[in-house]
N, C-alpha and C. Protein backbone atom coordinates (compact mmCIF):
# COMPACT_ATOMS: atom_id res chain seq x y z
N MET A 1 0.83 -1.20 0.00
CA MET A 1 0.00 0.00 0.00
C MET A 1 0.86 1.24 0.00
N GLY A 2 2.01 1.21 0.60
CA GLY A 2 2.76 2.44 0.79
C GLY A 2 2.39 3.05 2.13
N GLU A 3 3.11 4.06 2.50
CA GLU A 3 2.86 4.74 3.77
C GLU A 3 1.63 5.64 3.65
N VAL A 4 0.90 5.76 4.75
CA VAL A 4 -0.28 6.62 4.77
C VAL A 4 0.09 7.95 5.40
N ILE A 5 -0.23 9.02 4.69
CA ILE A 5 0.01 10.37 5.19
C ILE A 5 -1.33 11.10 5.23
N ILE A 6 -1.62 11.70 6.36
CA ILE A 6 -2.84 12.51 6.51
C ILE A 6 -2.42 13.97 6.38
N ALA A 7 -3.10 14.73 5.50
CA ALA A 7 -2.72 16.13 5.28
C ALA A 7 -3.96 17.03 5.26
N PHE A 8 -4.22 17.66 6.38
CA PHE A 8 -5.34 18.60 6.52
C PHE A 8 -4.84 19.80 7.31
N SER A 9 -5.41 20.98 7.03
CA SER A 9 -5.00 22.15 7.79
C SER A 9 -5.57 22.15 9.20
N GLY A 10 -6.72 21.53 9.41
CA GLY A 10 -7.34 21.52 10.74
C GLY A 10 -6.91 20.34 11.58
N GLU A 11 -6.44 20.62 12.80
CA GLU A 11 -5.97 19.56 13.70
C GLU A 11 -7.08 18.58 14.08
N GLU A 12 -8.29 19.07 14.23
CA GLU A 12 -9.41 18.19 14.62
C GLU A 12 -9.69 17.17 13.54
N VAL A 13 -9.65 17.58 12.28
CA VAL A 13 -9.88 16.64 11.17
C VAL A 13 -8.75 15.60 11.14
N VAL A 14 -7.53 16.06 11.31
CA VAL A 14 -6.39 15.14 11.34
C VAL A 14 -6.59 14.10 12.44
N ARG A 15 -7.00 14.54 13.60
CA ARG A 15 -7.20 13.65 14.75
C ARG A 15 -8.29 12.62 14.46
N ARG A 16 -9.41 13.07 13.86
CA ARG A 16 -10.51 12.14 13.57
C ARG A 16 -10.10 11.11 12.52
N VAL A 17 -9.46 11.56 11.45
CA VAL A 17 -9.04 10.63 10.39
C VAL A 17 -8.00 9.66 10.94
N TYR A 18 -7.05 10.17 11.72
CA TYR A 18 -6.03 9.31 12.33
C TYR A 18 -6.68 8.23 13.20
N THR A 19 -7.61 8.63 14.03
CA THR A 19 -8.29 7.69 14.93
C THR A 19 -9.02 6.60 14.16
N ILE A 20 -9.71 6.98 13.09
CA ILE A 20 -10.44 6.00 12.27
C ILE A 20 -9.47 5.00 11.63
N LEU A 21 -8.42 5.50 11.02
CA LEU A 21 -7.47 4.61 10.35
C LEU A 21 -6.73 3.73 11.36
N ASP A 22 -6.31 4.32 12.46
CA ASP A 22 -5.60 3.58 13.49
C ASP A 22 -6.46 2.46 14.08
N SER A 23 -7.73 2.76 14.32
CA SER A 23 -8.63 1.74 14.90
C SER A 23 -8.88 0.59 13.92
N ALA A 24 -8.65 0.84 12.62
CA ALA A 24 -8.82 -0.20 11.62
C ALA A 24 -7.50 -0.94 11.35
N GLY A 25 -6.47 -0.58 12.09
CA GLY A 25 -5.18 -1.25 11.94
C GLY A 25 -4.32 -0.68 10.83
N ILE A 26 -4.66 0.49 10.33
CA ILE A 26 -3.86 1.14 9.29
C ILE A 26 -2.90 2.11 9.95
N LYS A 27 -1.61 1.85 9.79
CA LYS A 27 -0.59 2.68 10.41
C LYS A 27 -0.41 3.97 9.61
N VAL A 28 -0.44 5.09 10.31
CA VAL A 28 -0.25 6.39 9.68
C VAL A 28 1.22 6.78 9.85
N PHE A 29 1.88 7.05 8.73
CA PHE A 29 3.30 7.43 8.74
C PHE A 29 3.49 8.82 9.31
N ARG A 30 2.66 9.77 8.85
CA ARG A 30 2.79 11.14 9.33
C ARG A 30 1.49 11.90 9.13
N ALA A 31 1.23 12.82 10.03
CA ALA A 31 0.11 13.76 9.89
C ALA A 31 0.71 15.13 9.59
N CYS A 32 0.21 15.79 8.54
CA CYS A 32 0.75 17.07 8.09
C CYS A 32 -0.34 18.13 8.09
N SER A 33 0.08 19.37 8.28
CA SER A 33 -0.89 20.47 8.23
C SER A 33 -0.55 21.49 7.16
N SER A 34 0.45 21.19 6.32
CA SER A 34 0.81 22.10 5.23
C SER A 34 1.41 21.32 4.07
N LYS A 35 1.47 21.96 2.92
CA LYS A 35 2.08 21.35 1.74
C LYS A 35 3.57 21.10 2.00
N PHE A 36 4.22 22.03 2.68
CA PHE A 36 5.64 21.88 3.01
C PHE A 36 5.86 20.60 3.83
N GLU A 37 5.04 20.39 4.86
CA GLU A 37 5.17 19.20 5.69
C GLU A 37 4.89 17.93 4.88
N LEU A 38 3.93 18.00 3.96
CA LEU A 38 3.62 16.86 3.11
C LEU A 38 4.83 16.49 2.25
N PHE A 39 5.44 17.49 1.60
CA PHE A 39 6.61 17.23 0.77
C PHE A 39 7.78 16.71 1.60
N ASP A 40 7.92 17.22 2.81
CA ASP A 40 8.97 16.73 3.71
C ASP A 40 8.75 15.26 4.04
N ALA A 41 7.51 14.89 4.32
CA ALA A 41 7.20 13.48 4.61
C ALA A 41 7.47 12.61 3.39
N LEU A 42 7.09 13.10 2.22
CA LEU A 42 7.29 12.32 0.99
C LEU A 42 8.76 12.13 0.65
N ALA A 43 9.60 13.02 1.12
CA ALA A 43 11.04 12.91 0.85
C ALA A 43 11.65 11.69 1.50
N HIS A 44 10.96 11.11 2.49
CA HIS A 44 11.51 9.98 3.24
C HIS A 44 10.96 8.64 2.80
N ILE A 45 10.06 8.61 1.83
CA ILE A 45 9.43 7.36 1.41
C ILE A 45 9.28 7.31 -0.11
N ASP A 46 9.06 6.11 -0.63
CA ASP A 46 8.90 5.95 -2.08
C ASP A 46 7.44 5.94 -2.53
N ARG A 47 6.59 5.27 -1.75
CA ARG A 47 5.18 5.16 -2.12
C ARG A 47 4.32 5.62 -0.95
N ALA A 48 3.22 6.27 -1.28
CA ALA A 48 2.36 6.77 -0.21
C ALA A 48 0.91 6.85 -0.66
N VAL A 49 0.04 6.85 0.31
CA VAL A 49 -1.36 7.19 0.12
C VAL A 49 -1.59 8.45 0.94
N VAL A 50 -2.00 9.52 0.26
CA VAL A 50 -2.22 10.79 0.93
C VAL A 50 -3.72 10.99 1.11
N VAL A 51 -4.14 11.16 2.34
CA VAL A 51 -5.54 11.44 2.65
C VAL A 51 -5.61 12.93 2.99
N THR A 52 -6.39 13.68 2.21
CA THR A 52 -6.40 15.12 2.38
C THR A 52 -7.79 15.68 2.10
N GLY A 53 -7.92 16.96 2.25
CA GLY A 53 -9.17 17.64 1.94
C GLY A 53 -9.08 18.32 0.58
N PHE A 54 -10.01 19.21 0.31
CA PHE A 54 -10.03 19.89 -0.98
C PHE A 54 -8.87 20.88 -1.11
N LYS A 55 -8.48 21.52 -0.01
CA LYS A 55 -7.39 22.50 -0.06
C LYS A 55 -6.40 22.24 1.07
N LEU A 56 -5.14 22.54 0.76
CA LEU A 56 -4.07 22.47 1.75
C LEU A 56 -3.09 23.58 1.40
N SER A 57 -2.77 24.41 2.34
CA SER A 57 -1.85 25.55 2.11
C SER A 57 -2.30 26.42 0.94
N GLY A 58 -3.60 26.60 0.81
CA GLY A 58 -4.15 27.48 -0.23
C GLY A 58 -4.20 26.88 -1.62
N GLU A 59 -3.78 25.63 -1.78
CA GLU A 59 -3.80 24.99 -3.09
C GLU A 59 -4.83 23.86 -3.09
N THR A 60 -5.42 23.62 -4.25
CA THR A 60 -6.39 22.53 -4.34
C THR A 60 -5.67 21.19 -4.37
N VAL A 61 -6.41 20.16 -4.07
CA VAL A 61 -5.85 18.81 -4.08
C VAL A 61 -5.34 18.46 -5.48
N SER A 62 -5.98 18.95 -6.53
CA SER A 62 -5.51 18.70 -7.90
C SER A 62 -4.14 19.32 -8.12
N GLN A 63 -3.94 20.55 -7.63
CA GLN A 63 -2.64 21.21 -7.78
C GLN A 63 -1.56 20.47 -7.00
N ILE A 64 -1.90 20.05 -5.79
CA ILE A 64 -0.92 19.33 -4.96
C ILE A 64 -0.58 17.98 -5.60
N TYR A 65 -1.59 17.27 -6.10
CA TYR A 65 -1.36 16.00 -6.79
C TYR A 65 -0.38 16.20 -7.94
N ASP A 66 -0.63 17.21 -8.77
CA ASP A 66 0.25 17.49 -9.91
C ASP A 66 1.66 17.80 -9.45
N ASP A 67 1.80 18.62 -8.41
CA ASP A 67 3.13 18.96 -7.89
C ASP A 67 3.87 17.73 -7.37
N VAL A 68 3.16 16.89 -6.66
CA VAL A 68 3.79 15.68 -6.12
C VAL A 68 4.29 14.79 -7.25
N HIS A 69 3.47 14.58 -8.26
CA HIS A 69 3.86 13.67 -9.34
C HIS A 69 4.87 14.29 -10.31
N GLU A 70 4.82 15.60 -10.50
CA GLU A 70 5.74 16.24 -11.44
C GLU A 70 7.07 16.59 -10.80
N HIS A 71 7.04 17.10 -9.57
CA HIS A 71 8.26 17.63 -8.98
C HIS A 71 8.88 16.71 -7.93
N ALA A 72 8.07 16.02 -7.19
CA ALA A 72 8.62 15.16 -6.15
C ALA A 72 8.94 13.77 -6.70
N GLY A 73 8.36 13.42 -7.84
CA GLY A 73 8.64 12.13 -8.45
C GLY A 73 8.24 10.95 -7.60
N ARG A 74 7.16 11.07 -6.89
CA ARG A 74 6.72 10.00 -5.99
C ARG A 74 5.49 9.30 -6.53
N GLN A 75 5.37 8.01 -6.19
CA GLN A 75 4.19 7.23 -6.50
C GLN A 75 3.22 7.43 -5.34
N CYS A 76 2.15 8.16 -5.59
CA CYS A 76 1.20 8.46 -4.52
C CYS A 76 -0.22 8.27 -4.99
N GLY A 77 -0.99 7.63 -4.16
CA GLY A 77 -2.42 7.62 -4.36
C GLY A 77 -2.99 8.75 -3.52
N PHE A 78 -4.03 9.38 -4.01
CA PHE A 78 -4.65 10.48 -3.27
C PHE A 78 -6.10 10.15 -2.99
N VAL A 79 -6.52 10.30 -1.74
CA VAL A 79 -7.91 10.20 -1.33
C VAL A 79 -8.28 11.58 -0.79
N ALA A 80 -9.24 12.23 -1.46
CA ALA A 80 -9.66 13.57 -1.04
C ALA A 80 -11.05 13.50 -0.42
N ILE A 81 -11.19 14.09 0.73
CA ILE A 81 -12.49 14.17 1.40
C ILE A 81 -13.00 15.58 1.18
N THR A 82 -14.13 15.69 0.46
CA THR A 82 -14.64 17.00 0.07
C THR A 82 -16.15 17.10 0.28
N THR A 83 -16.65 18.30 0.10
CA THR A 83 -18.10 18.50 0.06
C THR A 83 -18.57 18.11 -1.35
N PRO A 84 -19.85 17.87 -1.53
CA PRO A 84 -20.35 17.56 -2.88
C PRO A 84 -20.04 18.68 -3.89
N GLU A 85 -20.09 19.93 -3.45
CA GLU A 85 -19.80 21.04 -4.35
C GLU A 85 -18.33 21.05 -4.77
N GLN A 86 -17.44 20.75 -3.84
CA GLN A 86 -16.01 20.74 -4.14
C GLN A 86 -15.65 19.57 -5.06
N ARG A 87 -16.37 18.49 -4.94
CA ARG A 87 -16.10 17.30 -5.77
C ARG A 87 -16.11 17.67 -7.25
N ASP A 88 -17.06 18.49 -7.65
CA ASP A 88 -17.18 18.87 -9.05
C ASP A 88 -16.02 19.75 -9.52
N LEU A 89 -15.26 20.31 -8.61
CA LEU A 89 -14.15 21.19 -8.96
C LEU A 89 -12.82 20.45 -9.11
N ILE A 90 -12.80 19.17 -8.78
CA ILE A 90 -11.57 18.38 -8.89
C ILE A 90 -11.48 17.82 -10.30
N GLU A 91 -10.49 18.30 -11.04
CA GLU A 91 -10.35 17.94 -12.44
C GLU A 91 -9.62 16.62 -12.65
N ASN A 92 -8.84 16.18 -11.71
CA ASN A 92 -7.96 15.03 -11.88
C ASN A 92 -8.69 13.73 -11.57
N GLU A 93 -8.79 12.85 -12.58
CA GLU A 93 -9.48 11.58 -12.41
C GLU A 93 -8.72 10.60 -11.53
N ASN A 94 -7.43 10.85 -11.30
CA ASN A 94 -6.63 9.92 -10.50
C ASN A 94 -6.77 10.14 -9.00
N ILE A 95 -7.53 11.14 -8.63
CA ILE A 95 -7.78 11.41 -7.21
C ILE A 95 -9.10 10.74 -6.84
N LEU A 96 -9.04 9.85 -5.86
CA LEU A 96 -10.24 9.19 -5.38
C LEU A 96 -10.95 10.16 -4.44
N VAL A 97 -12.17 10.57 -4.80
CA VAL A 97 -12.88 11.59 -4.04
C VAL A 97 -14.00 10.96 -3.22
N LEU A 98 -13.99 11.26 -1.94
CA LEU A 98 -15.07 10.85 -1.03
C LEU A 98 -15.79 12.12 -0.61
N THR A 99 -17.11 12.11 -0.70
CA THR A 99 -17.85 13.30 -0.30
C THR A 99 -18.40 13.13 1.11
N THR A 100 -18.43 14.25 1.83
CA THR A 100 -18.92 14.24 3.20
C THR A 100 -20.44 14.10 3.21
N PRO A 101 -20.99 13.45 4.20
CA PRO A 101 -20.31 12.76 5.30
C PRO A 101 -19.72 11.43 4.82
N VAL A 102 -18.54 11.10 5.32
CA VAL A 102 -17.84 9.88 4.95
C VAL A 102 -17.94 8.90 6.10
N SER A 103 -18.35 7.68 5.79
CA SER A 103 -18.42 6.66 6.84
C SER A 103 -17.02 6.14 7.14
N LYS A 104 -16.84 5.59 8.33
CA LYS A 104 -15.55 5.01 8.70
C LYS A 104 -15.18 3.89 7.73
N TYR A 105 -16.16 3.06 7.40
CA TYR A 105 -15.93 1.95 6.48
C TYR A 105 -15.45 2.45 5.12
N GLU A 106 -16.09 3.47 4.60
CA GLU A 106 -15.74 4.02 3.29
C GLU A 106 -14.32 4.58 3.29
N LEU A 107 -13.94 5.26 4.35
CA LEU A 107 -12.60 5.82 4.44
C LEU A 107 -11.55 4.71 4.51
N VAL A 108 -11.77 3.75 5.38
CA VAL A 108 -10.81 2.65 5.55
C VAL A 108 -10.69 1.85 4.25
N ARG A 109 -11.80 1.55 3.63
CA ARG A 109 -11.78 0.79 2.39
C ARG A 109 -11.05 1.55 1.28
N SER A 110 -11.30 2.84 1.18
CA SER A 110 -10.66 3.65 0.14
C SER A 110 -9.15 3.72 0.33
N VAL A 111 -8.70 3.92 1.55
CA VAL A 111 -7.26 3.96 1.81
C VAL A 111 -6.65 2.58 1.55
N GLY A 112 -7.33 1.55 1.97
CA GLY A 112 -6.85 0.19 1.77
C GLY A 112 -6.77 -0.24 0.32
N MET A 113 -7.56 0.42 -0.54
CA MET A 113 -7.57 0.05 -1.95
C MET A 113 -6.26 0.38 -2.66
N PHE A 114 -5.43 1.19 -2.04
CA PHE A 114 -4.17 1.55 -2.68
C PHE A 114 -3.08 0.53 -2.39
N GLY A 115 -3.46 -0.64 -1.97
CA GLY A 115 -2.48 -1.69 -1.72
C GLY A 115 -3.08 -3.05 -2.01
N GLY A 116 -2.24 -4.03 -2.07
CA GLY A 116 -2.69 -5.40 -2.22
C GLY A 116 -3.31 -5.72 -3.56
N VAL A 117 -4.26 -6.65 -3.55
CA VAL A 117 -4.82 -7.18 -4.79
C VAL A 117 -5.62 -6.14 -5.57
N VAL A 118 -6.29 -5.24 -4.89
CA VAL A 118 -7.08 -4.24 -5.60
C VAL A 118 -6.16 -3.33 -6.41
N GLU A 119 -5.05 -2.94 -5.81
CA GLU A 119 -4.08 -2.09 -6.53
C GLU A 119 -3.50 -2.84 -7.73
N GLU A 120 -3.19 -4.10 -7.55
CA GLU A 120 -2.65 -4.90 -8.65
C GLU A 120 -3.66 -5.02 -9.79
N ALA A 121 -4.93 -5.26 -9.45
CA ALA A 121 -5.98 -5.35 -10.48
C ALA A 121 -6.15 -4.02 -11.20
N LYS A 122 -6.11 -2.92 -10.44
CA LYS A 122 -6.22 -1.61 -11.08
C LYS A 122 -5.06 -1.39 -12.05
N ASN A 123 -3.87 -1.80 -11.67
CA ASN A 123 -2.71 -1.64 -12.55
C ASN A 123 -2.87 -2.43 -13.84
N ILE A 124 -3.47 -3.61 -13.76
CA ILE A 124 -3.74 -4.40 -14.97
C ILE A 124 -4.68 -3.63 -15.88
N LEU A 125 -5.75 -3.10 -15.32
CA LEU A 125 -6.73 -2.35 -16.12
C LEU A 125 -6.11 -1.08 -16.71
N ILE A 126 -5.27 -0.43 -15.95
CA ILE A 126 -4.61 0.79 -16.41
C ILE A 126 -3.65 0.48 -17.56
N ASN A 127 -2.84 -0.55 -17.38
CA ASN A 127 -1.80 -0.86 -18.37
C ASN A 127 -2.33 -1.56 -19.62
N TRP A 128 -3.34 -2.41 -19.46
CA TRP A 128 -3.83 -3.18 -20.61
C TRP A 128 -5.01 -2.55 -21.31
N TYR A 129 -5.80 -1.81 -20.57
CA TYR A 129 -7.02 -1.25 -21.15
C TYR A 129 -7.03 0.28 -21.13
N TYR A 130 -5.88 0.86 -20.79
CA TYR A 130 -5.69 2.31 -20.84
C TYR A 130 -6.74 3.09 -20.07
N MET A 131 -7.15 2.53 -18.94
CA MET A 131 -8.07 3.25 -18.05
C MET A 131 -7.25 4.17 -17.15
N SER A 132 -7.89 5.23 -16.69
CA SER A 132 -7.25 6.04 -15.66
C SER A 132 -7.40 5.28 -14.34
N GLU A 133 -6.71 5.73 -13.31
CA GLU A 133 -6.81 5.06 -12.02
C GLU A 133 -8.24 5.09 -11.48
N SER A 134 -8.91 6.23 -11.63
CA SER A 134 -10.28 6.33 -11.12
C SER A 134 -11.24 5.48 -11.96
N GLN A 135 -11.02 5.38 -13.28
CA GLN A 135 -11.87 4.52 -14.11
C GLN A 135 -11.69 3.06 -13.70
N ALA A 136 -10.45 2.66 -13.47
CA ALA A 136 -10.19 1.28 -13.05
C ALA A 136 -10.84 1.01 -11.70
N HIS A 137 -10.73 1.96 -10.78
CA HIS A 137 -11.36 1.82 -9.46
C HIS A 137 -12.87 1.67 -9.60
N ARG A 138 -13.48 2.55 -10.39
CA ARG A 138 -14.94 2.50 -10.57
C ARG A 138 -15.37 1.19 -11.24
N TYR A 139 -14.57 0.72 -12.19
CA TYR A 139 -14.88 -0.52 -12.90
C TYR A 139 -14.90 -1.71 -11.92
N ILE A 140 -13.87 -1.80 -11.09
CA ILE A 140 -13.80 -2.89 -10.10
C ILE A 140 -14.95 -2.75 -9.11
N GLN A 141 -15.21 -1.54 -8.67
CA GLN A 141 -16.30 -1.29 -7.72
C GLN A 141 -17.65 -1.69 -8.31
N LYS A 142 -17.87 -1.35 -9.58
CA LYS A 142 -19.14 -1.68 -10.24
C LYS A 142 -19.29 -3.19 -10.38
N LEU A 143 -18.23 -3.88 -10.80
CA LEU A 143 -18.29 -5.33 -10.89
C LEU A 143 -18.62 -5.95 -9.54
N SER A 144 -18.03 -5.40 -8.50
CA SER A 144 -18.27 -5.90 -7.15
C SER A 144 -19.73 -5.71 -6.75
N MET A 145 -20.26 -4.52 -6.98
CA MET A 145 -21.65 -4.24 -6.61
C MET A 145 -22.63 -5.06 -7.45
N ASP A 146 -22.37 -5.14 -8.76
CA ASP A 146 -23.28 -5.87 -9.65
C ASP A 146 -23.33 -7.36 -9.33
N SER A 147 -22.20 -7.91 -8.91
CA SER A 147 -22.14 -9.35 -8.64
C SER A 147 -22.37 -9.70 -7.18
N GLY A 148 -22.38 -8.69 -6.30
CA GLY A 148 -22.55 -8.95 -4.87
C GLY A 148 -21.32 -9.64 -4.28
N THR A 149 -20.16 -9.40 -4.90
CA THR A 149 -18.91 -10.03 -4.49
C THR A 149 -18.02 -8.98 -3.86
N LYS A 150 -17.20 -9.40 -2.88
CA LYS A 150 -16.27 -8.46 -2.25
C LYS A 150 -15.30 -7.91 -3.28
N LEU A 151 -14.88 -6.67 -3.05
CA LEU A 151 -13.94 -5.98 -3.93
C LEU A 151 -12.67 -6.81 -4.15
N GLU A 152 -12.14 -7.37 -3.07
CA GLU A 152 -10.91 -8.15 -3.16
C GLU A 152 -11.09 -9.39 -4.03
N GLU A 153 -12.27 -10.01 -3.98
CA GLU A 153 -12.54 -11.20 -4.81
C GLU A 153 -12.61 -10.83 -6.28
N VAL A 154 -13.24 -9.70 -6.58
CA VAL A 154 -13.30 -9.22 -7.97
C VAL A 154 -11.89 -8.94 -8.46
N ALA A 155 -11.08 -8.30 -7.61
CA ALA A 155 -9.70 -7.99 -7.99
C ALA A 155 -8.91 -9.26 -8.27
N LYS A 156 -9.08 -10.28 -7.43
CA LYS A 156 -8.38 -11.56 -7.65
C LYS A 156 -8.78 -12.18 -8.97
N THR A 157 -10.06 -12.09 -9.31
CA THR A 157 -10.53 -12.61 -10.59
C THR A 157 -9.89 -11.89 -11.76
N ILE A 158 -9.78 -10.58 -11.64
CA ILE A 158 -9.14 -9.79 -12.71
C ILE A 158 -7.68 -10.20 -12.85
N ILE A 159 -6.99 -10.37 -11.76
CA ILE A 159 -5.58 -10.75 -11.78
C ILE A 159 -5.42 -12.14 -12.40
N GLU A 160 -6.23 -13.09 -11.95
CA GLU A 160 -6.12 -14.46 -12.45
C GLU A 160 -6.48 -14.59 -13.92
N SER A 161 -7.49 -13.86 -14.36
CA SER A 161 -7.92 -13.99 -15.74
C SER A 161 -7.23 -12.98 -16.66
N GLY A 162 -6.67 -11.93 -16.07
CA GLY A 162 -6.03 -10.90 -16.86
C GLY A 162 -7.03 -10.13 -17.71
N ILE A 163 -8.30 -10.31 -17.40
CA ILE A 163 -9.42 -9.69 -18.14
C ILE A 163 -8.91 -9.07 -19.34
């Protein structure tokens, strides 16, 4: 999965997200309150999942995503927690967007999707079928919902069959 980094300007949000992930057994590498702190954390690791809001240090999550991938050269998955109105303003399909209110289950599942079999299945869809990361995620999610099968089982099927 890579290391999990929480990046929000508000300490209370950081605390709530940290508590949810920690209680689910997901270790948080660092909690950040600015873009500078986020880049500092990324300098120490190769892969990460960044859980953030719509804005950090005055920049949108799309701008930060672009900066991380263009300038920091890091492999990062991004999970953005936004309002429904802000969701429509995120241009980047590679950012997994959760709209408030977010359930604990939804947050944990979304962060967990950036590792293990689901990530491997998404990579197959991205590389072989030229889907974006969000299209691959939605495709696996839809197959899971339509078949009533767990996400991980659908991902295993994709890996085994190479769809």
